[in-house]
Amino acid sequence: MKNEEFQSALARLMLVGTLVAAAVIAVGLIWYLSAHGGEAPGGHVFSGEPKYLENPVLMVQHALQRNAVGHRQSFIMIGVVLLLLNPILRVAF
């Protein structure tokens, strides 16, 4: 593979990775705001992040459960993880 072809393939990989992550975050954000947009902020008591947001496998499982309360937050976090994986894929490529 020539240098120009390699650079072009690398640019496409980074662009697609960024667009996919942004789309997942945007869908999760719209989904979250559609259900919780009118609620008053409850930030007066710090409770920390739920345990399911600490493990990527639990995050995906929780995002796929329809009856789970935090599946919208999990969907947004999956997009953030995809965005963070983008530079790792670049180095691996």
Protein backbone atom coordinates (compact mmCIF):
# COMPACT_ATOMS: atom_id res chain seq x y z
CA MET A 1 0.00 0.00 0.00
CA LYS A 2 1.37 3.38 -0.97
CA ASN A 3 1.72 6.23 1.50
CA GLU A 4 -1.12 8.25 -0.08
CA GLU A 5 -3.44 5.23 -0.02
CA PHE A 6 -2.52 4.55 3.59
CA GLN A 7 -3.15 8.16 4.61
CA SER A 8 -6.48 8.16 2.79
CA ALA A 9 -7.58 4.91 4.45
CA LEU A 10 -6.51 6.23 7.84
CA ALA A 11 -8.44 9.47 7.30
CA ARG A 12 -11.57 7.49 6.32
CA LEU A 13 -11.21 5.31 9.43
CA MET A 14 -10.96 8.35 11.70
CA LEU A 15 -13.87 10.12 9.97
CA VAL A 16 -16.17 7.10 10.10
CA GLY A 17 -15.25 6.39 13.73
CA THR A 18 -15.93 9.97 14.76
CA LEU A 19 -19.22 10.15 12.85
CA VAL A 20 -20.47 6.85 14.30
CA ALA A 21 -19.60 7.94 17.84
CA ALA A 22 -21.23 11.35 17.31
CA ALA A 23 -24.37 9.72 15.92
CA VAL A 24 -24.65 7.35 18.91
CA ILE A 25 -24.16 10.25 21.34
CA ALA A 26 -26.72 12.41 19.50
CA VAL A 27 -29.33 9.65 19.41
CA GLY A 28 -28.77 8.92 23.10
CA LEU A 29 -28.98 12.61 23.99
CA ILE A 30 -32.20 13.14 22.04
CA TRP A 31 -33.64 9.97 23.59
CA TYR A 32 -32.62 11.11 27.07
CA LEU A 33 -33.98 14.65 26.65
CA SER A 34 -37.26 13.37 25.25
CA ALA A 35 -37.91 11.56 28.54
CA HIS A 36 -36.16 13.81 31.06
CA GLY A 37 -36.07 17.25 29.41
CA GLY A 38 -38.71 18.85 31.63
CA GLU A 39 -37.41 17.58 34.96
CA ALA A 40 -35.86 19.92 37.48
CA PRO A 41 -32.16 19.33 38.10
CA GLY A 42 -31.46 17.27 41.19
CA GLY A 43 -27.79 18.05 41.59
CA HIS A 44 -27.94 19.19 45.19
CA VAL A 45 -26.95 15.74 46.48
CA PHE A 46 -23.98 13.97 44.93
CA SER A 47 -24.61 10.26 44.57
CA GLY A 48 -21.88 9.24 42.11
CA GLU A 49 -22.22 7.27 38.92
CA PRO A 50 -24.19 4.03 38.86
CA LYS A 51 -22.10 0.85 38.88
CA TYR A 52 -23.28 -0.18 35.43
CA LEU A 53 -21.50 2.84 33.89
CA GLU A 54 -18.12 1.64 35.21
CA ASN A 55 -17.98 -1.53 33.11
CA PRO A 56 -18.36 -1.40 29.30
CA VAL A 57 -19.99 -4.83 29.14
CA LEU A 58 -22.59 -3.90 31.76
CA MET A 59 -23.08 -0.58 29.98
CA VAL A 60 -24.01 -2.34 26.73
CA GLN A 61 -26.24 -4.85 28.53
CA HIS A 62 -27.99 -2.06 30.39
CA ALA A 63 -28.44 0.01 27.21
CA LEU A 64 -30.18 -2.93 25.51
CA GLN A 65 -32.68 -3.50 28.34
CA ARG A 66 -35.96 -1.79 27.55
CA ASN A 67 -37.25 -1.59 31.13
CA ALA A 68 -34.03 -0.25 32.69
CA VAL A 69 -34.13 3.29 34.06
CA GLY A 70 -30.65 4.37 32.99
CA HIS A 71 -30.48 2.81 29.55
CA ARG A 72 -30.51 6.25 27.93
CA GLN A 73 -27.43 7.29 29.92
CA SER A 74 -25.76 4.01 28.95
CA PHE A 75 -26.42 4.75 25.28
CA ILE A 76 -24.68 8.13 25.59
CA MET A 77 -21.74 6.56 27.43
CA ILE A 78 -21.36 3.93 24.69
CA GLY A 79 -20.93 6.80 22.23
CA VAL A 80 -18.27 8.35 24.45
CA VAL A 81 -16.43 5.02 24.67
CA LEU A 82 -16.57 4.71 20.87
CA LEU A 83 -15.11 8.20 20.58
CA LEU A 84 -12.30 7.27 22.97
CA LEU A 85 -11.58 4.08 21.00
CA ASN A 86 -11.06 6.06 17.80
CA PRO A 87 -7.38 6.99 18.48
CA ILE A 88 -6.68 3.43 19.63
CA LEU A 89 -8.00 2.10 16.31
CA ARG A 90 -5.82 4.63 14.51
CA VAL A 91 -2.70 3.35 16.23
CA ALA A 92 -3.72 -0.28 15.65
CA PHE A 93 -4.31 0.46 11.96
